[in-house]
Amino acid sequence: MRARTWAVAGLASTVLLAVLVSDGRAQGPAKPAAVVNGQPITLADVDAAVRVMNGQPAVQVPESRHRQMRVDALGMLIDNMLLQQFLRKNAAPADPKEILRHLAELETALKKDNKKLADYLAENGMTDAQLREQITNALQWRDYTKGRVSDADVQQY
């Protein structure tokens, strides 16, 4: 049953991606590129994800390739939003102390490269809140899968 639900959701999102990303300029800045269970993903979010995923290309990218990059970025954003929604509903909240510990470890690693957290955020096109959300999601996912997914399950997959 769950596999069928995910397959239908995947098909629906593929159709939605093809329609909304095919020409984002026609949608206007106020219209979302997608809405996932009531939460919008804006075209600005899609364009930011494309920039982060692909950096600044040295040459002009053909329009067909740019369109595909936007489809790929929107798909990734939809997957991330679905995961966040699932974790909020089904996983225990992450320990705030552990979030702070991970942030401190990141800052320590960045200092070794003579960088600051602000540099890291700018390079990755994210805010401090988005970084904290990513850490939170990673910790929640780790804790949720612990005891549910065995090494044998991973090997079989």
N, C-alpha and C. Protein backbone atom coordinates (compact mmCIF):
# COMPACT_ATOMS: atom_id res chain seq x y z
N MET A 1 0.82 -1.19 0.00
CA MET A 1 0.00 0.00 0.00
C MET A 1 0.86 1.25 0.00
N ARG A 2 1.90 1.29 0.88
CA ARG A 2 2.77 2.47 0.93
C ARG A 2 3.51 2.66 -0.38
N ALA A 3 3.95 1.56 -1.00
CA ALA A 3 4.67 1.65 -2.27
C ALA A 3 3.78 2.29 -3.33
N ARG A 4 2.51 1.90 -3.34
CA ARG A 4 1.58 2.47 -4.31
C ARG A 4 1.38 3.96 -4.04
N THR A 5 1.25 4.34 -2.78
CA THR A 5 1.09 5.75 -2.42
C THR A 5 2.29 6.56 -2.89
N TRP A 6 3.51 6.05 -2.62
CA TRP A 6 4.72 6.76 -3.04
C TRP A 6 4.81 6.83 -4.56
N ALA A 7 4.38 5.74 -5.26
CA ALA A 7 4.43 5.75 -6.72
C ALA A 7 3.47 6.79 -7.29
N VAL A 8 2.27 6.87 -6.73
CA VAL A 8 1.30 7.88 -7.18
C VAL A 8 1.82 9.28 -6.88
N ALA A 9 2.37 9.47 -5.69
CA ALA A 9 2.92 10.78 -5.33
C ALA A 9 4.07 11.14 -6.27
N GLY A 10 4.91 10.16 -6.59
CA GLY A 10 6.02 10.41 -7.51
C GLY A 10 5.54 10.80 -8.89
N LEU A 11 4.52 10.09 -9.39
CA LEU A 11 3.96 10.41 -10.69
C LEU A 11 3.34 11.80 -10.68
N ALA A 12 2.59 12.11 -9.64
CA ALA A 12 1.97 13.43 -9.54
C ALA A 12 3.01 14.52 -9.48
N SER A 13 4.07 14.29 -8.71
CA SER A 13 5.10 15.33 -8.61
C SER A 13 5.86 15.46 -9.93
N THR A 14 6.03 14.37 -10.69
CA THR A 14 6.70 14.45 -11.98
C THR A 14 5.89 15.29 -12.94
N VAL A 15 4.58 15.07 -12.96
CA VAL A 15 3.70 15.87 -13.81
C VAL A 15 3.75 17.33 -13.37
N LEU A 16 3.68 17.56 -12.08
CA LEU A 16 3.73 18.91 -11.54
C LEU A 16 5.06 19.57 -11.89
N LEU A 17 6.15 18.83 -11.78
CA LEU A 17 7.47 19.36 -12.12
C LEU A 17 7.52 19.77 -13.58
N ALA A 18 7.02 18.92 -14.44
CA ALA A 18 7.09 19.20 -15.87
C ALA A 18 6.30 20.45 -16.22
N VAL A 19 5.18 20.65 -15.57
CA VAL A 19 4.34 21.81 -15.85
C VAL A 19 4.93 23.08 -15.25
N LEU A 20 5.32 23.03 -13.99
CA LEU A 20 5.72 24.25 -13.30
C LEU A 20 7.13 24.69 -13.60
N VAL A 21 8.02 23.78 -13.90
CA VAL A 21 9.40 24.16 -14.10
C VAL A 21 9.72 24.38 -15.57
N SER A 22 8.83 23.95 -16.45
CA SER A 22 9.11 24.06 -17.86
C SER A 22 9.40 25.49 -18.27
N ASP A 23 8.70 26.45 -17.68
CA ASP A 23 9.01 27.85 -17.94
C ASP A 23 8.66 28.64 -16.69
N GLY A 24 9.56 28.64 -15.74
CA GLY A 24 9.33 29.30 -14.46
C GLY A 24 9.02 30.77 -14.60
N ARG A 25 9.55 31.42 -15.65
CA ARG A 25 9.30 32.85 -15.82
C ARG A 25 7.82 33.12 -16.03
N ALA A 26 7.11 32.21 -16.63
CA ALA A 26 5.69 32.41 -16.89
C ALA A 26 4.86 32.33 -15.62
N GLN A 27 5.40 31.73 -14.58
CA GLN A 27 4.65 31.56 -13.34
C GLN A 27 4.60 32.83 -12.51
N GLY A 28 5.56 33.71 -12.66
CA GLY A 28 5.61 34.92 -11.86
C GLY A 28 6.21 34.64 -10.50
N PRO A 29 6.74 35.67 -9.85
CA PRO A 29 7.44 35.46 -8.59
C PRO A 29 6.53 35.07 -7.43
N ALA A 30 5.24 35.39 -7.51
CA ALA A 30 4.35 35.13 -6.38
C ALA A 30 3.82 33.70 -6.37
N LYS A 31 3.81 33.03 -7.50
CA LYS A 31 3.27 31.68 -7.57
C LYS A 31 4.32 30.67 -7.18
N PRO A 32 3.92 29.66 -6.40
CA PRO A 32 4.90 28.63 -6.01
C PRO A 32 5.20 27.69 -7.17
N ALA A 33 6.39 27.11 -7.12
CA ALA A 33 6.75 26.10 -8.11
C ALA A 33 6.05 24.79 -7.80
N ALA A 34 5.79 24.57 -6.51
CA ALA A 34 5.08 23.37 -6.06
C ALA A 34 4.52 23.64 -4.67
N VAL A 35 3.51 22.88 -4.32
CA VAL A 35 2.94 22.93 -2.98
C VAL A 35 2.91 21.49 -2.47
N VAL A 36 3.58 21.27 -1.34
CA VAL A 36 3.70 19.94 -0.77
C VAL A 36 2.92 19.90 0.53
N ASN A 37 1.78 19.24 0.50
CA ASN A 37 0.92 19.16 1.68
C ASN A 37 0.67 20.55 2.28
N GLY A 38 0.40 21.51 1.42
CA GLY A 38 0.07 22.86 1.86
C GLY A 38 1.27 23.77 2.03
N GLN A 39 2.49 23.26 1.95
CA GLN A 39 3.69 24.08 2.10
C GLN A 39 4.25 24.41 0.72
N PRO A 40 4.40 25.70 0.41
CA PRO A 40 4.90 26.08 -0.92
C PRO A 40 6.41 25.97 -1.05
N ILE A 41 6.83 25.68 -2.26
CA ILE A 41 8.23 25.79 -2.66
C ILE A 41 8.24 26.84 -3.76
N THR A 42 8.95 27.94 -3.52
CA THR A 42 8.94 29.05 -4.46
C THR A 42 9.92 28.83 -5.60
N LEU A 43 9.71 29.57 -6.66
CA LEU A 43 10.66 29.54 -7.77
C LEU A 43 12.02 30.05 -7.32
N ALA A 44 12.03 30.99 -6.40
CA ALA A 44 13.30 31.48 -5.85
C ALA A 44 14.03 30.35 -5.13
N ASP A 45 13.30 29.50 -4.41
CA ASP A 45 13.91 28.33 -3.75
C ASP A 45 14.52 27.40 -4.79
N VAL A 46 13.81 27.18 -5.88
CA VAL A 46 14.30 26.30 -6.94
C VAL A 46 15.57 26.88 -7.55
N ASP A 47 15.55 28.18 -7.88
CA ASP A 47 16.71 28.80 -8.49
C ASP A 47 17.91 28.79 -7.54
N ALA A 48 17.67 29.00 -6.25
CA ALA A 48 18.75 28.95 -5.27
C ALA A 48 19.33 27.54 -5.19
N ALA A 49 18.48 26.53 -5.24
CA ALA A 49 18.95 25.15 -5.20
C ALA A 49 19.78 24.82 -6.45
N VAL A 50 19.37 25.33 -7.59
CA VAL A 50 20.14 25.11 -8.83
C VAL A 50 21.53 25.73 -8.68
N ARG A 51 21.59 26.95 -8.14
CA ARG A 51 22.89 27.61 -7.95
C ARG A 51 23.78 26.81 -7.01
N VAL A 52 23.21 26.30 -5.93
CA VAL A 52 24.00 25.53 -4.96
C VAL A 52 24.45 24.20 -5.57
N MET A 53 23.55 23.54 -6.26
CA MET A 53 23.86 22.23 -6.84
C MET A 53 24.91 22.32 -7.94
N ASN A 54 24.88 23.39 -8.71
CA ASN A 54 25.72 23.46 -9.90
C ASN A 54 26.76 24.56 -9.87
N GLY A 55 26.75 25.40 -8.85
CA GLY A 55 27.72 26.49 -8.78
C GLY A 55 27.52 27.47 -9.92
N GLN A 56 28.51 28.25 -10.16
CA GLN A 56 28.46 29.20 -11.27
C GLN A 56 29.13 28.56 -12.48
N PRO A 57 28.35 28.18 -13.50
CA PRO A 57 28.96 27.55 -14.67
C PRO A 57 29.88 28.52 -15.41
N ALA A 58 30.99 27.98 -15.95
CA ALA A 58 31.95 28.80 -16.68
C ALA A 58 31.43 29.21 -18.05
N VAL A 59 30.49 28.42 -18.57
CA VAL A 59 29.92 28.72 -19.89
C VAL A 59 28.41 28.80 -19.78
N GLN A 60 27.80 29.41 -20.76
CA GLN A 60 26.35 29.52 -20.81
C GLN A 60 25.73 28.13 -20.96
N VAL A 61 24.75 27.82 -20.13
CA VAL A 61 24.10 26.52 -20.16
C VAL A 61 22.92 26.60 -21.13
N PRO A 62 22.78 25.60 -22.01
CA PRO A 62 21.62 25.61 -22.93
C PRO A 62 20.30 25.61 -22.14
N GLU A 63 19.29 26.21 -22.71
CA GLU A 63 17.99 26.33 -22.03
C GLU A 63 17.43 24.97 -21.64
N SER A 64 17.58 23.98 -22.50
CA SER A 64 17.05 22.65 -22.17
C SER A 64 17.75 22.07 -20.94
N ARG A 65 19.04 22.31 -20.82
CA ARG A 65 19.80 21.82 -19.65
C ARG A 65 19.39 22.60 -18.40
N HIS A 66 19.19 23.91 -18.56
CA HIS A 66 18.77 24.73 -17.42
C HIS A 66 17.40 24.28 -16.92
N ARG A 67 16.51 23.97 -17.85
CA ARG A 67 15.18 23.48 -17.48
C ARG A 67 15.29 22.18 -16.70
N GLN A 68 16.17 21.27 -17.17
CA GLN A 68 16.35 19.99 -16.48
C GLN A 68 16.94 20.19 -15.09
N MET A 69 17.87 21.14 -14.96
CA MET A 69 18.45 21.42 -13.65
C MET A 69 17.38 21.92 -12.69
N ARG A 70 16.44 22.72 -13.19
CA ARG A 70 15.36 23.22 -12.34
C ARG A 70 14.43 22.09 -11.93
N VAL A 71 14.14 21.17 -12.85
CA VAL A 71 13.31 20.01 -12.53
C VAL A 71 13.99 19.17 -11.45
N ASP A 72 15.28 18.93 -11.63
CA ASP A 72 16.04 18.14 -10.64
C ASP A 72 16.05 18.84 -9.28
N ALA A 73 16.27 20.15 -9.27
CA ALA A 73 16.31 20.90 -8.02
C ALA A 73 14.94 20.87 -7.33
N LEU A 74 13.88 21.04 -8.10
CA LEU A 74 12.54 21.01 -7.50
C LEU A 74 12.23 19.63 -6.95
N GLY A 75 12.63 18.60 -7.65
CA GLY A 75 12.43 17.24 -7.15
C GLY A 75 13.14 17.03 -5.82
N MET A 76 14.37 17.54 -5.73
CA MET A 76 15.13 17.43 -4.48
C MET A 76 14.44 18.22 -3.37
N LEU A 77 13.95 19.42 -3.68
CA LEU A 77 13.27 20.23 -2.66
C LEU A 77 11.98 19.56 -2.19
N ILE A 78 11.26 18.94 -3.11
CA ILE A 78 10.03 18.23 -2.74
C ILE A 78 10.37 17.05 -1.83
N ASP A 79 11.39 16.28 -2.20
CA ASP A 79 11.81 15.14 -1.37
C ASP A 79 12.20 15.62 0.03
N ASN A 80 12.97 16.69 0.09
CA ASN A 80 13.38 17.23 1.39
C ASN A 80 12.20 17.68 2.23
N MET A 81 11.23 18.34 1.58
CA MET A 81 10.07 18.81 2.32
C MET A 81 9.23 17.63 2.82
N LEU A 82 9.07 16.59 1.99
CA LEU A 82 8.33 15.40 2.43
C LEU A 82 9.03 14.74 3.61
N LEU A 83 10.36 14.67 3.57
CA LEU A 83 11.10 14.10 4.69
C LEU A 83 10.92 14.93 5.95
N GLN A 84 11.00 16.25 5.82
CA GLN A 84 10.81 17.12 6.98
C GLN A 84 9.42 16.94 7.58
N GLN A 85 8.41 16.88 6.71
CA GLN A 85 7.05 16.70 7.20
C GLN A 85 6.89 15.35 7.90
N PHE A 86 7.47 14.31 7.33
CA PHE A 86 7.41 12.99 7.93
C PHE A 86 8.07 13.00 9.31
N LEU A 87 9.26 13.59 9.39
CA LEU A 87 9.99 13.61 10.66
C LEU A 87 9.24 14.41 11.72
N ARG A 88 8.65 15.54 11.33
CA ARG A 88 7.87 16.33 12.31
C ARG A 88 6.72 15.51 12.87
N LYS A 89 6.14 14.66 12.04
CA LYS A 89 4.98 13.88 12.45
C LYS A 89 5.36 12.60 13.20
N ASN A 90 6.48 11.97 12.81
CA ASN A 90 6.77 10.62 13.28
C ASN A 90 8.02 10.45 14.13
N ALA A 91 8.87 11.43 14.18
CA ALA A 91 10.14 11.27 14.91
C ALA A 91 10.16 12.16 16.15
N ALA A 92 10.93 11.71 17.11
CA ALA A 92 11.12 12.51 18.32
C ALA A 92 11.93 13.75 17.98
N PRO A 93 11.69 14.85 18.67
CA PRO A 93 12.47 16.06 18.40
C PRO A 93 13.95 15.82 18.70
N ALA A 94 14.79 16.52 17.96
CA ALA A 94 16.23 16.42 18.20
C ALA A 94 16.58 17.18 19.48
N ASP A 95 17.59 16.70 20.16
CA ASP A 95 18.07 17.32 21.38
C ASP A 95 18.77 18.64 21.03
N PRO A 96 18.31 19.77 21.55
CA PRO A 96 18.94 21.06 21.24
C PRO A 96 20.43 21.10 21.57
N LYS A 97 20.85 20.40 22.61
CA LYS A 97 22.27 20.37 22.97
C LYS A 97 23.08 19.65 21.89
N GLU A 98 22.50 18.62 21.31
CA GLU A 98 23.20 17.89 20.26
C GLU A 98 23.30 18.74 18.98
N ILE A 99 22.28 19.51 18.71
CA ILE A 99 22.32 20.42 17.56
C ILE A 99 23.47 21.41 17.74
N LEU A 100 23.55 21.99 18.93
CA LEU A 100 24.62 22.95 19.23
C LEU A 100 26.00 22.28 19.14
N ARG A 101 26.09 21.04 19.57
CA ARG A 101 27.36 20.31 19.49
C ARG A 101 27.79 20.14 18.04
N HIS A 102 26.85 19.80 17.17
CA HIS A 102 27.17 19.63 15.75
C HIS A 102 27.57 20.96 15.12
N LEU A 103 26.90 22.03 15.49
CA LEU A 103 27.28 23.35 14.99
C LEU A 103 28.70 23.70 15.43
N ALA A 104 29.03 23.42 16.68
CA ALA A 104 30.37 23.70 17.20
C ALA A 104 31.41 22.87 16.46
N GLU A 105 31.11 21.61 16.18
CA GLU A 105 32.04 20.76 15.43
C GLU A 105 32.26 21.30 14.02
N LEU A 106 31.20 21.79 13.40
CA LEU A 106 31.32 22.37 12.06
C LEU A 106 32.21 23.62 12.11
N GLU A 107 31.98 24.48 13.09
CA GLU A 107 32.79 25.69 13.22
C GLU A 107 34.25 25.35 13.46
N THR A 108 34.53 24.35 14.26
CA THR A 108 35.90 23.92 14.52
C THR A 108 36.56 23.43 13.23
N ALA A 109 35.84 22.64 12.46
CA ALA A 109 36.37 22.13 11.19
C ALA A 109 36.62 23.28 10.21
N LEU A 110 35.72 24.26 10.20
CA LEU A 110 35.89 25.41 9.30
C LEU A 110 37.10 26.24 9.70
N LYS A 111 37.33 26.39 11.00
CA LYS A 111 38.48 27.17 11.47
C LYS A 111 39.79 26.57 10.99
N LYS A 112 39.85 25.26 10.89
CA LYS A 112 41.06 24.59 10.38
C LYS A 112 41.34 25.01 8.94
N ASP A 113 40.29 25.38 8.20
CA ASP A 113 40.44 25.84 6.81
C ASP A 113 40.43 27.36 6.73
N ASN A 114 40.60 28.02 7.88
CA ASN A 114 40.58 29.49 7.95
C ASN A 114 39.28 30.09 7.42
N LYS A 115 38.17 29.43 7.73
CA LYS A 115 36.86 29.92 7.32
C LYS A 115 36.00 30.12 8.55
N LYS A 116 34.96 30.90 8.34
CA LYS A 116 33.97 31.13 9.40
C LYS A 116 32.65 30.51 8.98
N LEU A 117 31.78 30.36 9.95
CA LEU A 117 30.46 29.81 9.66
C LEU A 117 29.73 30.67 8.63
N ALA A 118 29.88 31.97 8.72
CA ALA A 118 29.24 32.88 7.76
C ALA A 118 29.71 32.60 6.33
N ASP A 119 31.00 32.28 6.18
CA ASP A 119 31.54 31.93 4.86
C ASP A 119 30.88 30.67 4.33
N TYR A 120 30.78 29.67 5.21
CA TYR A 120 30.17 28.40 4.84
C TYR A 120 28.71 28.60 4.40
N LEU A 121 27.99 29.41 5.17
CA LEU A 121 26.58 29.67 4.84
C LEU A 121 26.46 30.36 3.49
N ALA A 122 27.31 31.36 3.26
CA ALA A 122 27.26 32.10 1.99
C ALA A 122 27.61 31.18 0.81
N GLU A 123 28.65 30.36 0.98
CA GLU A 123 29.05 29.44 -0.09
C GLU A 123 27.96 28.45 -0.45
N ASN A 124 27.17 28.08 0.54
CA ASN A 124 26.12 27.08 0.33
C ASN A 124 24.74 27.69 0.15
N GLY A 125 24.68 29.01 0.11
CA GLY A 125 23.40 29.69 -0.14
C GLY A 125 22.34 29.39 0.88
N MET A 126 22.74 29.37 2.15
CA MET A 126 21.76 29.06 3.19
C MET A 126 21.90 30.01 4.36
N THR A 127 20.87 30.02 5.17
CA THR A 127 20.86 30.82 6.38
C THR A 127 21.21 29.92 7.57
N ASP A 128 21.48 30.58 8.70
CA ASP A 128 21.75 29.84 9.93
C ASP A 128 20.56 28.95 10.28
N ALA A 129 19.36 29.46 10.10
CA ALA A 129 18.15 28.68 10.41
C ALA A 129 18.05 27.45 9.52
N GLN A 130 18.41 27.59 8.24
CA GLN A 130 18.36 26.45 7.33
C GLN A 130 19.40 25.39 7.72
N LEU A 131 20.58 25.84 8.12
CA LEU A 131 21.61 24.91 8.57
C LEU A 131 21.14 24.16 9.81
N ARG A 132 20.57 24.87 10.76
CA ARG A 132 20.06 24.23 11.97
C ARG A 132 18.96 23.23 11.63
N GLU A 133 18.12 23.59 10.66
CA GLU A 133 17.05 22.68 10.25
C GLU A 133 17.64 21.41 9.61
N GLN A 134 18.69 21.56 8.81
CA GLN A 134 19.33 20.39 8.21
C GLN A 134 19.94 19.49 9.27
N ILE A 135 20.60 20.09 10.24
CA ILE A 135 21.19 19.30 11.33
C ILE A 135 20.09 18.59 12.10
N THR A 136 19.03 19.32 12.41
CA THR A 136 17.89 18.75 13.13
C THR A 136 17.32 17.56 12.37
N ASN A 137 17.10 17.73 11.07
CA ASN A 137 16.55 16.64 10.26
C ASN A 137 17.47 15.44 10.24
N ALA A 138 18.76 15.68 10.10
CA ALA A 138 19.73 14.57 10.07
C ALA A 138 19.71 13.80 11.39
N LEU A 139 19.66 14.54 12.50
CA LEU A 139 19.63 13.88 13.81
C LEU A 139 18.32 13.11 14.01
N GLN A 140 17.21 13.72 13.61
CA GLN A 140 15.93 13.03 13.74
C GLN A 140 15.91 11.78 12.88
N TRP A 141 16.41 11.86 11.64
CA TRP A 141 16.42 10.71 10.75
C TRP A 141 17.29 9.60 11.32
N ARG A 142 18.46 9.97 11.83
CA ARG A 142 19.36 8.99 12.44
C ARG A 142 18.65 8.27 13.59
N ASP A 143 18.01 9.04 14.45
CA ASP A 143 17.34 8.45 15.60
C ASP A 143 16.11 7.63 15.19
N TYR A 144 15.39 8.09 14.17
CA TYR A 144 14.21 7.37 13.71
C TYR A 144 14.58 6.02 13.11
N THR A 145 15.67 5.99 12.32
CA THR A 145 16.04 4.74 11.65
C THR A 145 16.74 3.76 12.58
N LYS A 146 17.31 4.28 13.67
CA LYS A 146 18.00 3.40 14.62
C LYS A 146 16.98 2.39 15.15
N GLY A 147 17.28 1.11 15.02
CA GLY A 147 16.38 0.07 15.48
C GLY A 147 15.33 -0.32 14.46
N ARG A 148 15.17 0.47 13.41
CA ARG A 148 14.19 0.15 12.37
C ARG A 148 14.85 -0.41 11.11
N VAL A 149 16.09 0.02 10.88
CA VAL A 149 16.82 -0.41 9.69
C VAL A 149 18.10 -1.09 10.15
N SER A 150 18.25 -2.34 9.79
CA SER A 150 19.44 -3.09 10.20
C SER A 150 20.51 -3.02 9.11
N ASP A 151 21.70 -3.45 9.46
CA ASP A 151 22.77 -3.54 8.48
C ASP A 151 22.38 -4.50 7.36
N ALA A 152 21.68 -5.57 7.71
CA ALA A 152 21.22 -6.55 6.71
C ALA A 152 20.23 -5.88 5.73
N ASP A 153 19.36 -5.02 6.25
CA ASP A 153 18.41 -4.30 5.37
C ASP A 153 19.16 -3.42 4.38
N VAL A 154 20.18 -2.72 4.88
CA VAL A 154 20.97 -1.84 4.02
C VAL A 154 21.70 -2.67 2.98
N GLN A 155 22.30 -3.78 3.39
CA GLN A 155 23.03 -4.65 2.46
C GLN A 155 22.09 -5.20 1.40
N GLN A 156 20.89 -5.62 1.82
CA GLN A 156 19.92 -6.16 0.87
C GLN A 156 19.48 -5.10 -0.11
N TYR A 157 19.30 -3.88 0.36
CA TYR A 157 18.88 -2.79 -0.53
C TYR A 157 19.95 -2.52 -1.56
